[in-house]
PDB file of N, CA and C in Angstrom:
ATOM      1  N   MET A   1     -51.322  -5.105   9.486  1.00  0.00           N
ATOM      2  CA  MET A   1     -50.214  -5.243  10.418  1.00  0.00           C
ATOM      3  C   MET A   1     -49.287  -6.383  10.002  1.00  0.00           C
ATOM      4  N   ASP A   2     -49.872  -7.515   9.591  1.00  0.00           N
ATOM      5  CA  ASP A   2     -49.060  -8.641   9.151  1.00  0.00           C
ATOM      6  C   ASP A   2     -48.249  -8.286   7.908  1.00  0.00           C
ATOM      7  N   GLN A   3     -48.855  -7.511   7.028  1.00  0.00           N
ATOM      8  CA  GLN A   3     -48.143  -7.108   5.816  1.00  0.00           C
ATOM      9  C   GLN A   3     -46.959  -6.217   6.167  1.00  0.00           C
ATOM     10  N   GLU A   4     -47.160  -5.344   7.133  1.00  0.00           N
ATOM     11  CA  GLU A   4     -46.073  -4.460   7.546  1.00  0.00           C
ATOM     12  C   GLU A   4     -44.923  -5.254   8.172  1.00  0.00           C
ATOM     13  N   LEU A   5     -45.291  -6.226   9.007  1.00  0.00           N
ATOM     14  CA  LEU A   5     -44.272  -7.068   9.630  1.00  0.00           C
ATOM     15  C   LEU A   5     -43.546  -7.914   8.583  1.00  0.00           C
ATOM     16  N   SER A   6     -44.294  -8.413   7.628  1.00  0.00           N
ATOM     17  CA  SER A   6     -43.707  -9.215   6.560  1.00  0.00           C
ATOM     18  C   SER A   6     -42.746  -8.361   5.726  1.00  0.00           C
ATOM     19  N   ALA A   7     -43.151  -7.139   5.407  1.00  0.00           N
ATOM     20  CA  ALA A   7     -42.297  -6.238   4.644  1.00  0.00           C
ATOM     21  C   ALA A   7     -41.038  -5.899   5.442  1.00  0.00           C
ATOM     22  N   LEU A   8     -41.204  -5.653   6.724  1.00  0.00           N
ATOM     23  CA  LEU A   8     -40.061  -5.348   7.584  1.00  0.00           C
ATOM     24  C   LEU A   8     -39.122  -6.546   7.672  1.00  0.00           C
ATOM     25  N   GLU A   9     -39.698  -7.735   7.788  1.00  0.00           N
ATOM     26  CA  GLU A   9     -38.891  -8.948   7.856  1.00  0.00           C
ATOM     27  C   GLU A   9     -38.075  -9.129   6.568  1.00  0.00           C
ATOM     28  N   LYS A  10     -38.685  -8.864   5.436  1.00  0.00           N
ATOM     29  CA  LYS A  10     -37.978  -8.968   4.155  1.00  0.00           C
ATOM     30  C   LYS A  10     -36.830  -7.960   4.100  1.00  0.00           C
ATOM     31  N   LYS A  11     -37.073  -6.757   4.586  1.00  0.00           N
ATOM     32  CA  LYS A  11     -36.024  -5.743   4.591  1.00  0.00           C
ATOM     33  C   LYS A  11     -34.866  -6.148   5.506  1.00  0.00           C
ATOM     34  N   VAL A  12     -35.200  -6.681   6.663  1.00  0.00           N
ATOM     35  CA  VAL A  12     -34.172  -7.127   7.602  1.00  0.00           C
ATOM     36  C   VAL A  12     -33.376  -8.277   6.992  1.00  0.00           C
ATOM     37  N   ASP A  13     -34.077  -9.222   6.366  1.00  0.00           N
ATOM     38  CA  ASP A  13     -33.393 -10.336   5.709  1.00  0.00           C
ATOM     39  C   ASP A  13     -32.448  -9.831   4.623  1.00  0.00           C
ATOM     40  N   ALA A  14     -32.898  -8.866   3.847  1.00  0.00           N
ATOM     41  CA  ALA A  14     -32.057  -8.300   2.786  1.00  0.00           C
ATOM     42  C   ALA A  14     -30.836  -7.611   3.384  1.00  0.00           C
ATOM     43  N   LEU A  15     -31.033  -6.914   4.487  1.00  0.00           N
ATOM     44  CA  LEU A  15     -29.908  -6.247   5.153  1.00  0.00           C
ATOM     45  C   LEU A  15     -28.907  -7.265   5.696  1.00  0.00           C
ATOM     46  N   VAL A  16     -29.401  -8.370   6.220  1.00  0.00           N
ATOM     47  CA  VAL A  16     -28.513  -9.414   6.742  1.00  0.00           C
ATOM     48  C   VAL A  16     -27.690 -10.005   5.604  1.00  0.00           C
ATOM     49  N   VAL A  17     -28.325 -10.261   4.473  1.00  0.00           N
ATOM     50  CA  VAL A  17     -27.605 -10.794   3.316  1.00  0.00           C
ATOM     51  C   VAL A  17     -26.551  -9.793   2.855  1.00  0.00           C
ATOM     52  N   GLN A  18     -26.935  -8.530   2.785  1.00  0.00           N
ATOM     53  CA  GLN A  18     -25.985  -7.497   2.361  1.00  0.00           C
ATOM     54  C   GLN A  18     -24.831  -7.390   3.361  1.00  0.00           C
ATOM     55  N   LEU A  19     -25.136  -7.469   4.641  1.00  0.00           N
ATOM     56  CA  LEU A  19     -24.094  -7.417   5.674  1.00  0.00           C
ATOM     57  C   LEU A  19     -23.103  -8.556   5.497  1.00  0.00           C
ATOM     58  N   GLU A  20     -23.597  -9.763   5.284  1.00  0.00           N
ATOM     59  CA  GLU A  20     -22.723 -10.914   5.107  1.00  0.00           C
ATOM     60  C   GLU A  20     -21.865 -10.764   3.858  1.00  0.00           C
ATOM     61  N   THR A  21     -22.467 -10.257   2.799  1.00  0.00           N
ATOM     62  CA  THR A  21     -21.729 -10.035   1.556  1.00  0.00           C
ATOM     63  C   THR A  21     -20.622  -9.016   1.761  1.00  0.00           C
ATOM     64  N   LEU A  22     -20.955  -7.918   2.433  1.00  0.00           N
ATOM     65  CA  LEU A  22     -19.958  -6.862   2.664  1.00  0.00           C
ATOM     66  C   LEU A  22     -18.852  -7.327   3.606  1.00  0.00           C
ATOM     67  N   ARG A  23     -19.196  -8.144   4.587  1.00  0.00           N
ATOM     68  CA  ARG A  23     -18.162  -8.674   5.489  1.00  0.00           C
ATOM     69  C   ARG A  23     -17.193  -9.572   4.731  1.00  0.00           C
ATOM     70  N   ALA A  24     -17.731 -10.415   3.855  1.00  0.00           N
ATOM     71  CA  ALA A  24     -16.871 -11.299   3.062  1.00  0.00           C
ATOM     72  C   ALA A  24     -15.983 -10.473   2.127  1.00  0.00           C
ATOM     73  N   GLU A  25     -16.566  -9.464   1.499  1.00  0.00           N
ATOM     74  CA  GLU A  25     -15.793  -8.607   0.615  1.00  0.00           C
ATOM     75  C   GLU A  25     -14.716  -7.858   1.396  1.00  0.00           C
ATOM     76  N   ASN A  26     -15.060  -7.380   2.568  1.00  0.00           N
ATOM     77  CA  ASN A  26     -14.117  -6.669   3.420  1.00  0.00           C
ATOM     78  C   ASN A  26     -12.938  -7.571   3.780  1.00  0.00           C
ATOM     79  N   LEU A  27     -13.220  -8.813   4.102  1.00  0.00           N
ATOM     80  CA  LEU A  27     -12.164  -9.764   4.431  1.00  0.00           C
ATOM     81  C   LEU A  27     -11.251  -9.986   3.230  1.00  0.00           C
ATOM     82  N   ARG A  28     -11.850 -10.181   2.047  1.00  0.00           N
ATOM     83  CA  ARG A  28     -11.042 -10.375   0.840  1.00  0.00           C
ATOM     84  C   ARG A  28     -10.171  -9.149   0.573  1.00  0.00           C
ATOM     85  N   LEU A  29     -10.735  -7.967   0.757  1.00  0.00           N
ATOM     86  CA  LEU A  29      -9.973  -6.738   0.516  1.00  0.00           C
ATOM     87  C   LEU A  29      -8.840  -6.577   1.518  1.00  0.00           C
ATOM     88  N   ARG A  30      -9.089  -6.920   2.763  1.00  0.00           N
ATOM     89  CA  ARG A  30      -8.028  -6.835   3.780  1.00  0.00           C
ATOM     90  C   ARG A  30      -6.885  -7.792   3.444  1.00  0.00           C
ATOM     91  N   GLU A  31      -7.245  -8.998   2.989  1.00  0.00           N
ATOM     92  CA  GLU A  31      -6.221  -9.965   2.605  1.00  0.00           C
ATOM     93  C   GLU A  31      -5.427  -9.454   1.399  1.00  0.00           C
ATOM     94  N   ARG A  32      -6.118  -8.848   0.455  1.00  0.00           N
ATOM     95  CA  ARG A  32      -5.461  -8.304  -0.737  1.00  0.00           C
ATOM     96  C   ARG A  32      -4.520  -7.158  -0.366  1.00  0.00           C
ATOM     97  N   VAL A  33      -4.962  -6.298   0.535  1.00  0.00           N
ATOM     98  CA  VAL A  33      -4.117  -5.193   1.002  1.00  0.00           C
ATOM     99  C   VAL A  33      -2.859  -5.745   1.666  1.00  0.00           C
ATOM    100  N   SER A  34      -3.016  -6.767   2.483  1.00  0.00           N
ATOM    101  CA  SER A  34      -1.851  -7.360   3.145  1.00  0.00           C
ATOM    102  C   SER A  34      -0.870  -7.917   2.125  1.00  0.00           C
ATOM    103  N   ALA A  35      -1.383  -8.615   1.119  1.00  0.00           N
ATOM    104  CA  ALA A  35      -0.521  -9.179   0.077  1.00  0.00           C
ATOM    105  C   ALA A  35       0.183  -8.061  -0.697  1.00  0.00           C
ATOM    106  N   LEU A  36      -0.539  -7.005  -0.999  1.00  0.00           N
ATOM    107  CA  LEU A  36       0.062  -5.898  -1.741  1.00  0.00           C
ATOM    108  C   LEU A  36       1.105  -5.166  -0.901  1.00  0.00           C
ATOM    109  N   GLU A  37       0.884  -5.079   0.390  1.00  0.00           N
ATOM    110  CA  GLU A  37       1.876  -4.448   1.257  1.00  0.00           C
ATOM    111  C   GLU A  37       3.167  -5.260   1.278  1.00  0.00           C
ATOM    112  N   VAL A  38       3.045  -6.587   1.287  1.00  0.00           N
ATOM    113  CA  VAL A  38       4.228  -7.452   1.232  1.00  0.00           C
ATOM    114  C   VAL A  38       4.956  -7.227  -0.089  1.00  0.00           C
ATOM    115  N   ASP A  39       4.210  -7.238  -1.184  1.00  0.00           N
ATOM    116  CA  ASP A  39       4.814  -6.987  -2.499  1.00  0.00           C
ATOM    117  C   ASP A  39       5.497  -5.625  -2.544  1.00  0.00           C
ATOM    118  N   ASN A  40       4.850  -4.632  -1.966  1.00  0.00           N
ATOM    119  CA  ASN A  40       5.401  -3.274  -1.953  1.00  0.00           C
ATOM    120  C   ASN A  40       6.731  -3.237  -1.206  1.00  0.00           C
ATOM    121  N   ARG A  41       6.793  -3.913  -0.072  1.00  0.00           N
ATOM    122  CA  ARG A  41       8.050  -3.947   0.692  1.00  0.00           C
ATOM    123  C   ARG A  41       9.152  -4.639  -0.106  1.00  0.00           C
ATOM    124  N   LYS A  42       8.808  -5.735  -0.791  1.00  0.00           N
ATOM    125  CA  LYS A  42       9.802  -6.441  -1.603  1.00  0.00           C
ATOM    126  C   LYS A  42      10.312  -5.535  -2.726  1.00  0.00           C
ATOM    127  N   LEU A  43       9.388  -4.881  -3.409  1.00  0.00           N
ATOM    128  CA  LEU A  43       9.788  -4.009  -4.510  1.00  0.00           C
ATOM    129  C   LEU A  43      10.599  -2.822  -4.022  1.00  0.00           C
ATOM    130  N   SER A  44      10.246  -2.285  -2.880  1.00  0.00           N
ATOM    131  CA  SER A  44      11.018  -1.175  -2.313  1.00  0.00           C
ATOM    132  C   SER A  44      12.444  -1.612  -2.024  1.00  0.00           C
ATOM    133  N   GLY A  45      12.597  -2.829  -1.516  1.00  0.00           N
ATOM    134  CA  GLY A  45      13.931  -3.357  -1.262  1.00  0.00           C
ATOM    135  C   GLY A  45      14.724  -3.513  -2.545  1.00  0.00           C
ATOM    136  N   LYS A  46      14.071  -3.989  -3.594  1.00  0.00           N
ATOM    137  CA  LYS A  46      14.755  -4.138  -4.884  1.00  0.00           C
ATOM    138  C   LYS A  46      15.165  -2.781  -5.440  1.00  0.00           C
ATOM    139  N   ILE A  47      14.304  -1.798  -5.307  1.00  0.00           N
ATOM    140  CA  ILE A  47      14.629  -0.448  -5.785  1.00  0.00           C
ATOM    141  C   ILE A  47      15.807   0.115  -5.005  1.00  0.00           C
ATOM    142  N   GLU A  48      15.797  -0.086  -3.709  1.00  0.00           N
ATOM    143  CA  GLU A  48      16.898   0.402  -2.874  1.00  0.00           C
ATOM    144  C   GLU A  48      18.213  -0.262  -3.268  1.00  0.00           C
ATOM    145  N   ALA A  49      18.184  -1.568  -3.503  1.00  0.00           N
ATOM    146  CA  ALA A  49      19.401  -2.285  -3.905  1.00  0.00           C
ATOM    147  C   ALA A  49      19.883  -1.799  -5.269  1.00  0.00           C
ATOM    148  N   ALA A  50      18.971  -1.590  -6.202  1.00  0.00           N
ATOM    149  CA  ALA A  50      19.346  -1.101  -7.535  1.00  0.00           C
ATOM    150  C   ALA A  50      19.930   0.301  -7.442  1.00  0.00           C
ATOM    151  N   THR A  51      19.336   1.133  -6.597  1.00  0.00           N
ATOM    152  CA  THR A  51      19.847   2.498  -6.414  1.00  0.00           C
ATOM    153  C   THR A  51      21.271   2.466  -5.875  1.00  0.00           C
ATOM    154  N   GLU A  52      21.515   1.599  -4.911  1.00  0.00           N
ATOM    155  CA  GLU A  52      22.862   1.480  -4.351  1.00  0.00           C
ATOM    156  C   GLU A  52      23.859   1.017  -5.405  1.00  0.00           C
ATOM    157  N   ARG A  53      23.454   0.049  -6.252  1.00  0.00           N
ATOM    158  CA  ARG A  53      24.362  -0.434  -7.307  1.00  0.00           C
ATOM    159  C   ARG A  53      24.661   0.677  -8.312  1.00  0.00           C
ATOM    160  N   ILE A  54      23.639   1.439  -8.666  1.00  0.00           N
ATOM    161  CA  ILE A  54      23.844   2.538  -9.618  1.00  0.00           C
ATOM    162  C   ILE A  54      24.755   3.599  -9.018  1.00  0.00           C
ATOM    163  N   GLU A  55      24.502   3.952  -7.766  1.00  0.00           N
ATOM    164  CA  GLU A  55      25.349   4.951  -7.108  1.00  0.00           C
ATOM    165  C   GLU A  55      26.785   4.463  -7.009  1.00  0.00           C
ATOM    166  N   SER A  56      26.970   3.192  -6.739  1.00  0.00           N
ATOM    167  CA  SER A  56      28.313   2.617  -6.648  1.00  0.00           C
ATOM    168  C   SER A  56      28.999   2.657  -8.013  1.00  0.00           C
ATOM    169  N   ALA A  57      28.254   2.316  -9.054  1.00  0.00           N
ATOM    170  CA  ALA A  57      28.822   2.356 -10.408  1.00  0.00           C
ATOM    171  C   ALA A  57      29.178   3.782 -10.800  1.00  0.00           C
ATOM    172  N   LEU A  58      28.314   4.724 -10.464  1.00  0.00           N
ATOM    173  CA  LEU A  58      28.584   6.133 -10.798  1.00  0.00           C
ATOM    174  C   LEU A  58      29.800   6.644 -10.042  1.00  0.00           C
ATOM    175  N   ALA A  59      30.007   6.156  -8.831  1.00  0.00           N
ATOM    176  CA  ALA A  59      31.140   6.611  -8.042  1.00  0.00           C
ATOM    177  C   ALA A  59      32.452   6.143  -8.652  1.00  0.00           C
ATOM    178  N   MET A  60      32.428   5.078  -9.447  1.00  0.00           N
ATOM    179  CA  MET A  60      33.643   4.562 -10.071  1.00  0.00           C
ATOM    180  C   MET A  60      34.028   5.332 -11.330  1.00  0.00           C
ATOM    181  N   ILE A  61      33.130   6.113 -11.869  1.00  0.00           N
ATOM    182  CA  ILE A  61      33.428   6.867 -13.072  1.00  0.00           C
ATOM    183  C   ILE A  61      34.270   8.090 -12.683  1.00  0.00           C
ATOM    184  N   PRO A  62      35.421   8.252 -13.313  1.00  0.00           N
ATOM    185  CA  PRO A  62      36.270   9.404 -12.979  1.00  0.00           C
ATOM    186  C   PRO A  62      35.550  10.714 -13.290  1.00  0.00           C
ATOM    187  N   GLU A  63      35.852  11.714 -12.492  1.00  0.00           N
ATOM    188  CA  GLU A  63      35.237  13.026 -12.714  1.00  0.00           C
ATOM    189  C   GLU A  63      35.714  13.587 -14.033  1.00  0.00           C
ATOM    190  N   GLY A  64      34.852  14.327 -14.688  1.00  0.00           N
ATOM    191  CA  GLY A  64      35.176  14.917 -15.962  1.00  0.00           C
ATOM    192  C   GLY A  64      34.850  14.009 -17.121  1.00  0.00           C
ATOM    193  N   THR A  65      34.469  12.794 -16.843  1.00  0.00           N
ATOM    194  CA  THR A  65      34.095  11.855 -17.890  1.00  0.00           C
ATOM    195  C   THR A  65      32.627  12.096 -18.238  1.00  0.00           C
ATOM    196  N   GLU A  66      32.383  12.260 -19.531  1.00  0.00           N
ATOM    197  CA  GLU A  66      30.991  12.472 -19.941  1.00  0.00           C
ATOM    198  C   GLU A  66      30.309  11.132 -20.088  1.00  0.00           C
ATOM    199  N   LEU A  67      29.056  11.116 -19.733  1.00  0.00           N
ATOM    200  CA  LEU A  67      28.290   9.877 -19.845  1.00  0.00           C
ATOM    201  C   LEU A  67      27.644   9.749 -21.189  1.00  0.00           C
TER     202      LEU A  67
END
């Protein structure tokens, strides 16, 4: 009986360690996702601005002009 309890205790301890590890990893991943979302929004804004500049430049080219 003591051996069974000892084995169970070891398993529970291992699960607690794994839980703590996964929680820490989850937190790091959530922080990374947040940072990447910020970067994504910045890059999307830059792409939108570049698209507008290109469209504006193209609008200045007279029709019939080959590129």
